[in-house]
Protein backbone atom coordinates (compact mmCIF):
# COMPACT_ATOMS: atom_id res chain seq x y z
CA MET A 1 -5.23 -20.71 0.82
CA ALA A 2 -3.31 -18.36 3.01
CA SER A 3 -0.96 -15.99 1.26
CA THR A 4 2.55 -16.11 2.60
CA ARG A 5 5.34 -13.66 2.71
CA ALA A 6 7.27 -15.92 0.42
CA ALA A 7 4.46 -15.95 -2.13
CA ILE A 8 4.38 -12.14 -2.03
CA ARG A 9 8.14 -11.93 -2.61
CA TYR A 10 8.03 -14.42 -5.49
CA ALA A 11 5.14 -12.51 -7.05
CA LYS A 12 6.93 -9.21 -6.79
CA ALA A 13 10.09 -10.73 -8.19
CA ILE A 14 8.22 -12.34 -11.20
CA LEU A 15 6.44 -8.97 -11.85
CA ASP A 16 9.74 -7.15 -11.93
CA LEU A 17 11.13 -9.69 -14.38
CA ALA A 18 8.01 -9.62 -16.50
CA ASN A 19 8.00 -5.83 -16.59
CA SER A 20 11.65 -5.83 -17.68
CA LYS A 21 10.81 -8.14 -20.55
CA GLY A 22 7.53 -6.37 -21.41
CA VAL A 23 5.34 -9.35 -20.80
CA ALA A 24 3.65 -8.52 -17.48
CA GLU A 25 0.16 -8.70 -19.01
CA ALA A 26 0.75 -12.17 -20.52
CA VAL A 27 2.19 -13.38 -17.21
CA ASN A 28 -0.86 -12.04 -15.40
CA ASN A 29 -3.14 -13.91 -17.74
CA ASP A 30 -0.98 -17.12 -17.05
CA MET A 31 -1.16 -16.57 -13.28
CA LYS A 32 -5.04 -16.10 -13.46
CA SER A 33 -5.19 -19.36 -15.48
CA ILE A 34 -2.98 -21.17 -12.97
CA ALA A 35 -4.90 -19.91 -9.95
CA ASN A 36 -8.17 -20.90 -11.54
CA ALA A 37 -6.97 -24.35 -12.54
CA ILE A 38 -5.67 -25.08 -9.04
CA GLU A 39 -8.80 -23.76 -7.40
CA THR A 40 -11.21 -25.70 -9.59
CA ASN A 41 -9.27 -28.89 -10.01
CA ALA A 42 -8.93 -30.80 -6.68
CA GLU A 43 -6.71 -33.42 -8.27
CA LEU A 44 -4.17 -30.79 -9.47
CA SER A 45 -4.27 -29.04 -6.07
CA THR A 46 -3.70 -32.29 -4.22
CA PHE A 47 -0.83 -33.20 -6.64
CA ILE A 48 0.91 -29.91 -6.07
CA GLN A 49 0.52 -30.04 -2.26
CA ASN A 50 1.58 -33.69 -1.98
CA PRO A 51 4.98 -33.68 -0.15
CA THR A 52 5.78 -37.19 -1.33
CA THR A 53 5.70 -36.42 -4.99
CA LYS A 54 9.19 -35.58 -6.32
CA VAL A 55 9.73 -31.97 -7.39
CA GLU A 56 11.01 -33.18 -10.78
CA VAL A 57 7.71 -34.89 -11.40
CA LYS A 58 5.82 -31.74 -10.30
CA GLU A 59 7.83 -29.51 -12.62
CA SER A 60 7.49 -31.69 -15.63
CA ALA A 61 3.68 -32.15 -15.01
CA LEU A 62 3.14 -28.44 -14.69
CA LEU A 63 5.21 -27.73 -17.79
CA GLU A 64 3.00 -30.18 -19.58
CA VAL A 65 -0.35 -28.97 -18.20
CA PHE A 66 0.60 -25.35 -18.70
CA SER A 67 2.52 -25.84 -21.94
CA ASP A 68 1.24 -22.61 -23.53
CA VAL A 69 2.38 -20.21 -20.79
CA ASN A 70 4.95 -17.44 -21.19
CA GLY A 71 8.66 -18.16 -20.70
CA VAL A 72 8.72 -16.07 -17.51
CA THR A 73 5.94 -18.32 -16.01
CA LYS A 74 7.96 -21.44 -17.04
CA GLY A 75 10.93 -19.84 -15.28
CA LEU A 76 8.85 -19.61 -12.17
CA PHE A 77 8.14 -23.33 -12.37
CA HIS A 78 11.87 -23.97 -12.58
CA LEU A 79 12.61 -21.68 -9.68
CA LEU A 80 9.99 -23.46 -7.60
CA PHE A 81 11.64 -26.68 -8.58
CA GLU A 82 15.04 -25.48 -7.43
CA ASN A 83 13.72 -24.19 -4.16
CA LYS A 84 11.27 -27.07 -3.52
CA ARG A 85 8.40 -24.60 -3.04
CA PHE A 86 5.69 -25.84 -5.41
CA GLU A 87 3.19 -25.90 -2.55
CA ILE A 88 2.96 -22.04 -2.73
CA LEU A 89 2.29 -21.83 -6.49
CA ASP A 90 -1.40 -21.04 -5.98
CA ALA A 91 -0.60 -18.26 -3.47
CA ILE A 92 2.06 -16.85 -5.84
CA ALA A 93 -0.42 -16.78 -8.72
CA VAL A 94 -2.99 -14.93 -6.58
CA GLU A 95 -0.45 -12.49 -5.18
CA TYR A 96 0.96 -11.81 -8.70
CA SER A 97 -2.50 -10.64 -9.84
CA LYS A 98 -2.83 -8.37 -6.84
CA VAL A 99 0.62 -6.82 -7.24
CA PHE A 100 0.03 -6.49 -11.03
CA ASP A 101 -3.28 -4.67 -10.43
CA GLN A 102 -1.71 -2.36 -7.86
CA SER A 103 1.16 -1.44 -10.11
CA ASN A 104 -1.32 -0.60 -12.86
CA GLY A 105 -3.69 1.50 -10.68
CA ILE A 106 -6.45 -1.14 -10.82
CA GLU A 107 -8.62 -1.77 -7.78
CA VAL A 108 -10.94 -4.71 -7.32
CA ALA A 109 -14.46 -3.90 -5.93
CA LYS A 110 -16.08 -6.97 -4.49
CA VAL A 111 -19.88 -6.66 -4.75
CA THR A 112 -21.79 -9.33 -2.88
CA THR A 113 -25.47 -9.78 -3.97
CA ALA A 114 -28.16 -12.31 -3.36
CA ILE A 115 -28.42 -13.09 -7.07
CA PRO A 116 -25.87 -12.77 -9.91
CA MET A 117 -25.62 -9.18 -11.31
CA ASP A 118 -26.67 -8.54 -14.85
CA ALA A 119 -24.76 -6.27 -17.24
CA GLU A 120 -27.05 -3.26 -16.59
CA LEU A 121 -26.67 -3.42 -12.80
CA GLU A 122 -22.92 -3.94 -13.20
CA ALA A 123 -22.71 -0.80 -15.30
CA LYS A 124 -24.63 1.23 -12.64
CA VAL A 125 -22.37 -0.07 -9.86
CA LEU A 126 -19.22 0.78 -11.95
CA ALA A 127 -20.57 4.32 -12.54
CA LYS A 128 -21.22 4.80 -8.78
CA ILE A 129 -17.83 3.40 -7.83
CA ALA A 130 -16.14 5.77 -10.35
CA THR A 131 -17.30 8.70 -8.32
CA LEU A 132 -15.74 7.25 -5.17
CA SER A 133 -12.32 6.20 -6.55
CA ASP A 134 -9.88 7.71 -9.01
CA LYS A 135 -8.41 4.26 -9.87
CA LYS A 136 -9.54 1.88 -12.62
CA ILE A 137 -12.10 -0.46 -11.04
CA THR A 138 -12.92 -4.04 -11.88
CA ILE A 139 -15.91 -5.71 -10.26
CA GLU A 140 -15.87 -9.12 -8.74
CA ASN A 141 -19.45 -10.32 -8.11
CA ILE A 142 -19.91 -12.73 -5.15
CA VAL A 143 -23.31 -14.40 -4.87
CA ASP A 144 -24.45 -15.04 -1.31
CA PRO A 145 -28.20 -15.77 -0.95
CA SER A 146 -27.96 -15.38 2.83
CA ILE A 147 -27.86 -11.57 2.48
CA ILE A 148 -31.52 -11.86 1.27
CA GLY A 149 -31.38 -8.73 -0.91
CA GLY A 150 -29.43 -5.53 -1.46
CA PHE A 151 -25.67 -5.64 -1.71
CA ILE A 152 -22.34 -5.40 0.16
CA LEU A 153 -19.67 -3.32 -1.53
CA ARG A 154 -15.99 -3.77 -0.58
CA ILE A 155 -13.17 -1.65 -2.06
CA GLY A 156 -9.86 -2.13 -0.40
CA ASP A 157 -10.48 -1.71 3.36
CA ASN A 158 -13.78 0.15 2.92
CA GLN A 159 -17.08 -1.69 3.10
CA TYR A 160 -20.59 -0.51 2.62
CA ASN A 161 -23.28 -2.93 3.73
CA ALA A 162 -26.72 -2.29 2.21
CA SER A 163 -27.98 -5.82 2.53
CA VAL A 164 -31.44 -6.78 3.77
CA ALA A 165 -29.91 -9.19 6.25
CA ASN A 166 -27.85 -6.35 7.79
CA ARG A 167 -30.86 -4.09 8.05
CA LEU A 168 -32.82 -6.90 9.78
CA GLN A 169 -29.95 -7.41 12.17
CA VAL A 170 -29.84 -3.73 13.00
CA LEU A 171 -33.58 -3.64 13.55
CA LYS A 172 -33.39 -6.69 15.74
CA ARG A 173 -30.72 -5.00 17.92
CA GLU A 174 -32.80 -1.85 18.21
CA LEU A 175 -35.96 -3.72 19.21
CA SER A 176 -34.10 -5.80 21.79
CA ASN A 177 -32.74 -2.73 23.67
């Protein structure tokens, strides 16, 4: 899913509306739920992306599937109906969460490890990251067995690679010279 300029504009507009109504947090939870549902349910994703399905059907189906969402989120469904842009709903949901986090001073640290992190390791990583950044940090753990061991930490545009696979690659380059 590539984020588009349109998705970013929609996300910012929805955030402004949600902030004015004092429901930005609830809409953020809705957006996370929508993004997760579209990502994990191939049938829903295909339905939304299908250009032959009428937009009226898409809107009514989404209102039924996500019946417990906030009124602002339902308003987004109607706006996408009017503009015939349901195909970018997933991108809007992802971008909304990013814009919401930025506006609240929250930064996501992506930690890639060979095995899932336990609570103790996560606490240590959070403590270390707190010394590097003055923002509130949330950790997203990505499991990638190909790094063999160690970790890769990415905060914003900065990346620190302390993986075993990286160390082996560096050693290989040094030995081949």
